[in-house]
């Protein structure tokens, strides 16, 4: 049986995953671009979107780890030809995670003012942050439902339907953003930042409905929850808990970055908002190959094809670095045009241009870190991922950003800290993977 992994197989999974993966950053980037070009409190509104996006990303990334856990378990059972044993797991996982999302809405909605004060938001920025969050948070359960369905499709080695859903969601969000933020004469009044929030929620609802349709129509995975719990639910919960701690550590870094940028002033947080959202976009573009690593490594690991697993990792390293370099090159070619997409404020643009080169330079490093994140998730090695993130955040990122703040490096200091953080995330994963699986590949 030929089990070698070809570039065609990788791209068949990676390219649709790449397209579907950018749906969330495109939602945020669309909000940022359209809000940044309003003629009404554009800079303050852009800053508010940046703050809320950081907090929402934290919630989504913490609970959205369902995708990786479901994908890992389903792909391993698929590789072992035992898929029937976990068919009821996705519905149970979706039930647990969406129930938790409703609880989070109830717990955070009344305390939005206090939450965003922790990000150093005040006055008009604080008011806009609260307004935006009070609407956008209701899209949270729809997003988590969609993410869990995407994880099921990934476990089944299918990234095509998630891509279709993501494209429709992104296009819907752009159209709704334009209509609701700016308004349509005599039909829809301009809602400004609230309109952007409504647009995101409606787009997230559309994606959730499409996700339910495709999983029921194109697979035999049920969405009706049946008990007792599947035998793998315990492993699923342990994976989620490890990824939960890992993602908290990740978001501690993002919190420090946003908090310090806000402390430096309105123009700094506006420039940071543009920069960090572009960084997210780059991360999600690279995530296409990380997703291929997640999907294929789980299947190969379940089938015990260790030699092919090593071959897969070598190819992913090469392709990931190439993608990272292409992203950096494109960013360099359109360096000054990109900023004007989001704002025409000269002071904000100057601060953005000062640090955009750092984001571009770290793209190949991000590729390595994110791809091996995906591989380890596919293998189900969530505990090691947790420990690496704790190390890189607590012992690298935080000390560096505190030091650069004392040196008054401002945004330069923040993104220097992010660069070293990425290096500290990627290298240990590569070393651990090769140390673990090279001996197994030589002794099949």
Protein backbone atom coordinates (compact mmCIF):
# COMPACT_ATOMS: atom_id res chain seq x y z
CA UNK A 1 0.00 0.00 0.00
CA UNK A 2 1.42 3.40 -1.05
CA UNK A 3 1.16 5.80 1.91
CA UNK A 4 3.63 8.48 0.80
CA UNK A 5 2.39 12.04 1.14
CA UNK A 6 2.62 14.14 -2.02
CA UNK A 7 2.50 17.90 -2.52
CA UNK A 8 -0.83 17.42 -4.31
CA UNK A 9 -2.32 15.71 -1.24
CA UNK A 10 -0.99 18.42 1.07
CA UNK A 11 -2.29 21.23 -1.14
CA UNK A 12 -5.66 19.54 -1.56
CA UNK A 13 -6.12 19.97 2.20
CA UNK A 14 -3.97 23.07 2.79
CA UNK A 15 -5.36 25.44 0.16
CA UNK A 16 -9.06 25.09 1.11
CA UNK A 17 -8.03 25.19 4.81
CA UNK A 18 -6.02 28.33 4.10
CA UNK A 19 -9.05 30.00 2.54
CA UNK A 20 -11.43 28.92 5.32
CA UNK A 21 -8.89 29.83 7.99
CA UNK A 22 -8.83 33.49 7.04
CA UNK A 23 -12.57 33.93 7.66
CA UNK A 24 -12.21 35.18 11.24
CA UNK A 25 -9.33 37.63 10.58
CA UNK A 26 -11.17 38.84 7.47
CA UNK A 27 -14.19 39.63 9.65
CA UNK A 28 -11.97 41.71 11.94
CA UNK A 29 -9.95 43.27 9.10
CA UNK A 30 -13.14 44.22 7.26
CA UNK A 31 -14.46 45.92 10.41
CA UNK A 32 -11.11 47.70 10.85
CA UNK A 33 -10.87 48.88 7.22
CA UNK A 34 -14.44 50.14 6.97
CA UNK A 35 -14.49 51.70 10.44
CA UNK A 36 -11.09 53.31 9.92
CA UNK A 37 -12.43 55.13 6.88
CA UNK A 38 -15.57 56.51 8.54
CA UNK A 39 -15.97 60.28 8.80
CA UNK A 40 -17.18 59.96 12.39
CA UNK A 41 -14.71 59.22 15.25
CA UNK A 42 -12.78 56.85 12.97
CA UNK A 43 -9.57 56.64 15.03
CA UNK A 44 -11.36 56.05 18.35
CA UNK A 45 -13.66 53.48 16.74
CA UNK A 46 -10.68 51.70 15.16
CA UNK A 47 -8.97 51.56 18.55
CA UNK A 48 -12.14 50.12 20.11
CA UNK A 49 -12.37 47.41 17.43
CA UNK A 50 -8.73 46.49 18.14
CA UNK A 51 -9.37 46.10 21.86
CA UNK A 52 -12.58 44.10 21.47
CA UNK A 53 -11.07 41.94 18.72
CA UNK A 54 -8.23 40.99 21.05
CA UNK A 55 -10.68 39.98 23.80
CA UNK A 56 -13.00 38.16 21.39
CA UNK A 57 -10.03 36.34 19.85
CA UNK A 58 -9.10 35.18 23.34
CA UNK A 59 -12.59 33.72 23.90
CA UNK A 60 -12.73 32.14 20.45
CA UNK A 61 -9.24 30.67 20.67
CA UNK A 62 -9.80 29.32 24.17
CA UNK A 63 -13.04 27.52 23.36
CA UNK A 64 -12.38 27.09 19.64
CA UNK A 65 -9.75 24.46 20.49
CA UNK A 66 -12.66 22.06 20.06
CA UNK A 67 -11.72 22.00 16.38
CA UNK A 68 -8.23 20.63 17.02
CA UNK A 69 -9.41 18.08 19.60
CA UNK A 70 -12.23 16.75 17.41
CA UNK A 71 -10.00 16.70 14.32
CA UNK A 72 -7.26 14.81 16.17
CA UNK A 73 -9.55 12.08 17.51
CA UNK A 74 -11.62 11.65 14.33
CA UNK A 75 -8.54 11.54 12.06
CA UNK A 76 -6.81 8.97 14.29
CA UNK A 77 -9.88 6.73 14.26
CA UNK A 78 -10.17 7.20 10.51
CA UNK A 79 -6.54 6.12 10.09
CA UNK A 80 -7.21 3.06 12.25
CA UNK A 81 -10.41 2.23 10.25
CA UNK A 82 -12.59 2.60 13.38
CA UNK A 83 -14.57 5.74 12.53
CA UNK A 84 -17.92 4.22 13.57
CA UNK A 85 -16.70 4.21 17.18
CA UNK A 86 -16.60 8.04 17.38
CA UNK A 87 -19.50 9.14 15.16
CA UNK A 88 -21.50 10.47 18.10
CA UNK A 89 -18.54 12.40 19.58
CA UNK A 90 -18.83 15.61 17.47
CA UNK A 91 -22.45 16.25 18.49
CA UNK A 92 -21.58 15.76 22.17
CA UNK A 93 -18.58 18.07 21.85
CA UNK A 94 -20.66 20.75 20.10
CA UNK A 95 -23.31 20.52 22.83
CA UNK A 96 -20.71 21.01 25.59
CA UNK A 97 -18.89 23.89 23.96
CA UNK A 98 -21.95 25.88 22.84
CA UNK A 99 -23.51 25.50 26.30
CA UNK A 100 -20.32 26.94 27.78
CA UNK A 101 -20.41 29.84 25.30
CA UNK A 102 -23.89 30.85 26.49
CA UNK A 103 -22.60 30.88 30.07
CA UNK A 104 -19.69 33.13 29.02
CA UNK A 105 -22.09 35.61 27.39
CA UNK A 106 -24.09 35.79 30.61
CA UNK A 107 -20.90 36.17 32.69
CA UNK A 108 -19.18 38.86 30.57
CA UNK A 109 -22.02 40.99 29.17
CA UNK A 110 -22.76 42.93 32.41
CA UNK A 111 -19.05 43.54 33.07
CA UNK A 112 -17.94 44.82 29.65
CA UNK A 113 -16.91 48.20 31.10
CA UNK A 114 -14.68 46.58 33.72
CA UNK A 115 -13.22 44.13 31.17
CA UNK A 116 -12.14 46.81 28.71
CA UNK A 117 -10.80 49.08 31.43
CA UNK A 118 -8.31 46.26 32.02
CA UNK A 119 -7.08 47.00 28.48
CA UNK A 120 -6.53 50.64 29.49
CA UNK A 121 -9.56 51.79 27.46
CA UNK A 122 -11.18 55.00 28.68
CA UNK A 123 -13.58 57.77 27.65
CA UNK A 124 -14.82 57.49 24.05
CA UNK A 125 -12.75 54.40 23.25
CA UNK A 126 -14.23 52.61 26.28
CA UNK A 127 -17.78 53.57 25.27
CA UNK A 128 -17.27 52.32 21.72
CA UNK A 129 -15.63 49.11 22.96
CA UNK A 130 -18.64 48.34 25.15
CA UNK A 131 -21.12 49.15 22.36
CA UNK A 132 -19.28 46.92 19.89
CA UNK A 133 -18.87 44.02 22.33
CA UNK A 134 -22.49 44.10 23.55
CA UNK A 135 -23.60 43.25 20.02
CA UNK A 136 -20.78 41.10 18.66
CA UNK A 137 -20.69 38.72 21.65
CA UNK A 138 -24.01 37.21 20.51
CA UNK A 139 -22.24 35.72 17.50
CA UNK A 140 -20.00 33.73 19.85
CA UNK A 141 -22.08 30.50 20.00
CA UNK A 142 -22.50 30.52 16.20
CA UNK A 143 -18.73 30.83 15.75
CA UNK A 144 -17.98 27.96 18.14
CA UNK A 145 -20.58 25.75 16.47
CA UNK A 146 -18.98 26.44 13.08
CA UNK A 147 -15.47 25.80 14.41
CA UNK A 148 -16.52 22.43 15.86
CA UNK A 149 -18.10 21.38 12.55
CA UNK A 150 -14.93 22.46 10.73
CA UNK A 151 -12.96 20.22 13.12
CA UNK A 152 -15.18 17.26 12.21
CA UNK A 153 -14.66 17.86 8.50
CA UNK A 154 -10.90 18.12 9.05
CA UNK A 155 -10.86 14.81 10.88
CA UNK A 156 -12.61 13.31 7.86
CA UNK A 157 -9.79 14.75 5.65
CA UNK A 158 -12.16 17.27 4.06
CA UNK A 159 -11.41 20.99 3.98
CA UNK A 160 -13.51 21.79 0.90
CA UNK A 161 -16.86 22.41 2.62
CA UNK A 162 -15.34 24.57 5.40
CA UNK A 163 -13.78 26.64 2.59
CA UNK A 164 -17.18 27.17 0.91
CA UNK A 165 -18.77 28.15 4.20
CA UNK A 166 -15.95 30.55 5.04
CA UNK A 167 -16.09 32.25 1.62
CA UNK A 168 -19.84 32.82 1.90
CA UNK A 169 -19.41 34.12 5.46
CA UNK A 170 -16.63 36.53 4.52
CA UNK A 171 -18.48 37.91 1.47
CA UNK A 172 -21.64 38.31 3.53
CA UNK A 173 -19.75 40.18 6.23
CA UNK A 174 -18.16 42.61 3.75
CA UNK A 175 -21.50 43.40 2.11
CA UNK A 176 -23.26 43.80 5.47
CA UNK A 177 -20.41 45.94 6.83
CA UNK A 178 -20.69 48.42 3.98
CA UNK A 179 -24.48 48.54 4.23
CA UNK A 180 -24.75 48.85 8.02
CA UNK A 181 -21.69 50.99 8.86
CA UNK A 182 -22.16 53.59 6.13
CA UNK A 183 -25.89 53.06 5.62
CA UNK A 184 -27.94 52.99 2.42
CA UNK A 185 -29.70 56.21 1.53
CA UNK A 186 -33.42 56.20 2.52
CA UNK A 187 -33.23 52.49 3.39
CA UNK A 188 -30.73 51.82 6.22
CA UNK A 189 -29.37 54.54 8.52
CA UNK A 190 -25.59 54.64 9.12
CA UNK A 191 -24.92 52.67 12.33
CA UNK A 192 -21.13 53.22 12.43
CA UNK A 193 -19.35 50.88 14.86
CA UNK A 194 -22.60 49.18 15.93
CA UNK A 195 -23.30 48.37 12.28
CA UNK A 196 -19.96 46.55 12.04
CA UNK A 197 -20.88 44.46 15.07
CA UNK A 198 -24.30 43.55 13.64
CA UNK A 199 -22.68 42.62 10.33
CA UNK A 200 -20.30 40.21 12.07
CA UNK A 201 -23.08 38.52 14.06
CA UNK A 202 -25.27 38.00 10.98
CA UNK A 203 -22.31 36.61 9.01
CA UNK A 204 -21.51 34.21 11.87
CA UNK A 205 -25.14 33.03 11.95
CA UNK A 206 -25.07 32.38 8.19
CA UNK A 207 -21.88 30.31 8.58
CA UNK A 208 -23.39 28.27 11.43
CA UNK A 209 -26.51 27.43 9.39
CA UNK A 210 -24.40 26.41 6.40
CA UNK A 211 -22.18 24.28 8.65
CA UNK A 212 -25.19 22.37 9.97
CA UNK A 213 -26.49 21.87 6.42
CA UNK A 214 -23.24 20.50 4.98
CA UNK A 215 -22.37 18.19 7.89
CA UNK A 216 -25.84 16.60 7.72
CA UNK A 217 -26.02 16.54 3.91
CA UNK A 218 -22.47 15.47 3.03
CA UNK A 219 -21.53 13.12 5.91
CA UNK A 220 -23.21 10.53 8.11
CA UNK A 221 -22.13 12.37 11.28
CA UNK A 222 -25.26 13.22 13.34
CA UNK A 223 -25.83 16.53 15.13
CA UNK A 224 -28.51 15.15 17.45
CA UNK A 225 -26.93 14.64 20.87
CA UNK A 226 -27.23 11.10 22.21
CA UNK A 227 -26.06 9.75 25.54
CA UNK A 228 -24.22 8.07 27.21
CA UNK A 229 -21.05 9.97 26.39
CA UNK A 230 -18.63 8.45 23.90
CA UNK A 231 -15.64 6.58 25.35
CA UNK A 232 -13.34 9.29 23.92
CA UNK A 233 -15.10 12.17 25.65
CA UNK A 234 -12.65 11.96 28.58
CA UNK A 235 -9.64 12.28 26.25
CA UNK A 236 -11.45 15.09 24.42
CA UNK A 237 -12.00 17.00 27.68
CA UNK A 238 -8.35 16.50 28.77
CA UNK A 239 -7.20 17.81 25.37
CA UNK A 240 -9.49 20.82 25.74
CA UNK A 241 -8.21 21.55 29.26
CA UNK A 242 -4.57 21.43 28.12
CA UNK A 243 -5.38 23.60 25.12
CA UNK A 244 -7.40 25.90 27.39
CA UNK A 245 -4.35 26.54 29.60
CA UNK A 246 -2.19 26.89 26.48
CA UNK A 247 -4.52 29.42 24.93
CA UNK A 248 -4.75 31.41 28.16
CA UNK A 249 -0.95 31.71 28.01
CA UNK A 250 -1.20 32.78 24.37
CA UNK A 251 -3.76 35.43 25.21
CA UNK A 252 -1.73 36.72 28.12
CA UNK A 253 0.82 37.73 25.49
CA UNK A 254 -1.89 39.36 23.36
CA UNK A 255 -3.31 41.11 26.43
CA UNK A 256 0.09 42.60 27.30
CA UNK A 257 0.59 43.72 23.71
CA UNK A 258 -2.82 45.43 23.47
CA UNK A 259 -2.62 46.89 26.97
CA UNK A 260 0.80 48.49 26.40
CA UNK A 261 -0.21 49.81 22.97
CA UNK A 262 -3.31 51.41 24.52
CA UNK A 263 -1.20 52.92 27.29
CA UNK A 264 1.04 54.63 24.72
CA UNK A 265 -1.92 56.58 23.25
CA UNK A 266 -4.84 56.51 20.79
CA UNK A 267 -2.66 56.65 17.67
CA UNK A 268 -0.47 53.83 18.97
CA UNK A 269 -3.39 51.47 19.66
CA UNK A 270 -4.91 52.35 16.26
CA UNK A 271 -1.60 51.50 14.53
CA UNK A 272 -1.26 48.36 16.66
CA UNK A 273 -4.81 47.32 15.66
CA UNK A 274 -3.89 47.44 11.98
CA UNK A 275 -0.58 45.64 12.57
CA UNK A 276 -1.89 42.87 14.83
CA UNK A 277 -4.83 42.14 12.53
CA UNK A 278 -2.45 41.85 9.56
CA UNK A 279 -0.31 39.54 11.70
CA UNK A 280 -3.42 37.46 12.43
CA UNK A 281 -4.14 37.33 8.70
CA UNK A 282 -0.61 36.08 7.99
CA UNK A 283 -0.97 33.51 10.77
CA UNK A 284 -4.23 32.20 9.35
CA UNK A 285 -2.80 32.07 5.82
CA UNK A 286 0.05 29.90 7.08
CA UNK A 287 -2.54 27.93 9.08
CA UNK A 288 -3.58 26.24 5.83
CA UNK A 289 -0.40 24.16 5.94
CA UNK A 290 -0.68 23.82 9.73
CA UNK A 291 -4.15 22.37 9.14
CA UNK A 292 -2.77 19.92 6.59
CA UNK A 293 -0.21 18.90 9.22
CA UNK A 294 -2.98 18.48 11.78
CA UNK A 295 -5.18 16.42 9.49
CA UNK A 296 -2.54 14.18 7.91
CA UNK A 297 -0.41 13.64 11.02
CA UNK A 298 -3.43 12.39 12.96
CA UNK A 299 -4.31 9.90 10.24
CA UNK A 300 -0.69 8.70 9.79
CA UNK A 301 -0.22 8.42 13.56
CA UNK A 302 -3.44 6.42 13.89
CA UNK A 303 -2.21 4.08 11.14
CA UNK A 304 1.31 3.94 12.71
CA UNK A 305 3.04 5.13 9.51
CA UNK A 306 5.93 6.86 11.30
CA UNK A 307 8.28 7.08 8.32
CA UNK A 308 5.60 8.91 6.36
CA UNK A 309 5.04 11.16 9.36
CA UNK A 310 8.69 12.29 9.24
CA UNK A 311 8.44 12.78 5.47
CA UNK A 312 5.30 14.88 5.99
CA UNK A 313 7.04 17.11 8.54
CA UNK A 314 10.00 17.72 6.20
CA UNK A 315 7.70 18.75 3.37
CA UNK A 316 5.61 20.98 5.62
CA UNK A 317 8.72 22.79 6.87
CA UNK A 318 9.76 23.54 3.27
CA UNK A 319 6.33 24.61 2.08
CA UNK A 320 5.63 26.62 5.22
CA UNK A 321 8.83 28.66 4.88
CA UNK A 322 8.03 29.30 1.20
CA UNK A 323 4.53 30.54 2.10
CA UNK A 324 5.97 32.72 4.87
CA UNK A 325 8.48 34.28 2.46
CA UNK A 326 5.75 34.89 -0.14
CA UNK A 327 3.60 36.67 2.46
CA UNK A 328 6.58 38.80 3.50
CA UNK A 329 7.40 39.62 -0.13
CA UNK A 330 3.82 40.65 -0.96
CA UNK A 331 3.69 42.79 2.18
CA UNK A 332 6.96 44.43 1.18
CA UNK A 333 5.77 45.18 -2.36
CA UNK A 334 2.60 46.88 -1.10
CA UNK A 335 4.14 48.23 2.12
CA UNK A 336 2.70 51.75 1.97
CA UNK A 337 -0.51 50.95 0.12
CA UNK A 338 -1.66 48.47 2.78
CA UNK A 339 -1.82 51.08 5.54
CA UNK A 340 -4.09 53.37 3.51
CA UNK A 341 -6.67 50.58 3.26
CA UNK A 342 -7.37 51.08 6.96
CA UNK A 343 -6.89 54.78 7.64
CA UNK A 344 -5.71 58.10 6.22
CA UNK A 345 -4.55 59.42 9.60
CA UNK A 346 -0.89 60.33 8.94
CA UNK A 347 0.26 59.89 12.54
CA UNK A 348 -1.34 56.43 12.77
CA UNK A 349 0.16 55.45 9.41
CA UNK A 350 3.66 56.59 10.39
CA UNK A 351 3.53 54.51 13.56
CA UNK A 352 2.26 51.53 11.59
CA UNK A 353 4.95 51.81 8.91
CA UNK A 354 7.63 51.98 11.62
CA UNK A 355 6.85 48.44 12.78
CA UNK A 356 5.21 46.68 9.81
CA UNK A 357 8.61 45.38 8.63
CA UNK A 358 8.96 43.38 11.86
CA UNK A 359 5.67 41.59 11.17
CA UNK A 360 6.81 40.76 7.64
CA UNK A 361 10.23 39.54 8.79
CA UNK A 362 8.74 37.11 11.31
CA UNK A 363 6.44 35.36 8.78
CA UNK A 364 8.81 32.43 7.99
CA UNK A 365 9.37 31.95 11.75
CA UNK A 366 5.61 31.98 12.27
CA UNK A 367 5.27 29.34 9.57
CA UNK A 368 7.48 26.88 11.45
CA UNK A 369 5.80 27.51 14.80
CA UNK A 370 2.23 27.27 13.48
CA UNK A 371 2.86 24.21 11.31
CA UNK A 372 4.29 22.21 14.20
CA UNK A 373 1.45 23.47 16.40
CA UNK A 374 -0.84 21.78 13.87
CA UNK A 375 1.21 18.58 13.75
CA UNK A 376 1.24 18.21 17.55
CA UNK A 377 -2.52 18.84 17.68
CA UNK A 378 -3.04 16.09 15.12
CA UNK A 379 -0.93 13.76 17.25
CA UNK A 380 -2.99 14.67 20.31
CA UNK A 381 0.13 15.89 22.17
CA UNK A 382 -1.68 18.80 23.80
CA UNK A 383 0.22 18.62 27.09
CA UNK A 384 3.54 19.41 25.39
CA UNK A 385 1.93 22.27 23.44
CA UNK A 386 0.67 23.64 26.74
CA UNK A 387 4.10 23.53 28.36
CA UNK A 388 5.82 25.21 25.39
CA UNK A 389 3.32 28.09 25.39
CA UNK A 390 3.68 28.58 29.15
CA UNK A 391 7.46 28.71 28.77
CA UNK A 392 7.48 31.08 25.78
CA UNK A 393 4.95 33.47 27.35
CA UNK A 394 6.06 33.55 30.97
CA UNK A 395 9.83 33.26 30.48
CA UNK A 396 10.31 34.98 27.11
CA UNK A 397 7.49 37.31 26.05
CA UNK A 398 6.62 38.98 29.37
CA UNK A 399 10.23 39.67 30.47
CA UNK A 400 11.07 41.08 27.01
CA UNK A 401 8.04 43.38 26.79
CA UNK A 402 8.62 44.66 30.33
CA UNK A 403 12.25 45.37 29.43
CA UNK A 404 11.46 47.09 26.10
CA UNK A 405 8.77 49.17 27.82
CA UNK A 406 11.36 50.45 30.29
CA UNK A 407 13.55 51.35 27.29
CA UNK A 408 10.57 53.24 25.80
CA UNK A 409 10.63 51.22 22.57
CA UNK A 410 6.81 51.38 22.41
CA UNK A 411 5.42 49.44 19.38
CA UNK A 412 8.92 48.30 18.39
CA UNK A 413 9.27 46.69 21.81
CA UNK A 414 5.90 44.94 21.54
CA UNK A 415 6.71 43.32 18.20
CA UNK A 416 10.28 42.44 19.19
CA UNK A 417 8.70 40.53 22.09
CA UNK A 418 6.29 38.79 19.69
CA UNK A 419 9.19 37.76 17.41
CA UNK A 420 11.19 36.16 20.24
CA UNK A 421 7.97 34.56 21.51
CA UNK A 422 7.42 32.90 18.13
CA UNK A 423 10.98 31.53 18.09
CA UNK A 424 10.54 30.15 21.61
CA UNK A 425 7.33 28.43 20.47
CA UNK A 426 8.65 26.83 17.30
CA UNK A 427 12.10 25.44 18.09
CA UNK A 428 11.11 23.15 21.02
CA UNK A 429 8.32 21.60 18.93
CA UNK A 430 10.63 20.77 16.03
CA UNK A 431 13.26 19.27 18.36
CA UNK A 432 10.70 17.21 20.31
CA UNK A 433 9.01 15.90 17.16
CA UNK A 434 12.23 14.69 15.54
CA UNK A 435 13.55 13.21 18.78
CA UNK A 436 10.30 11.24 19.25
CA UNK A 437 9.50 9.99 15.76
CA UNK A 438 12.87 9.54 14.03
CA UNK A 439 13.67 6.40 16.10
CA UNK A 440 10.14 5.04 15.45
CA UNK A 441 10.53 5.68 11.70
CA UNK A 442 13.79 3.74 11.64
CA UNK A 443 12.20 0.81 13.51
CA UNK A 444 8.69 0.44 12.04
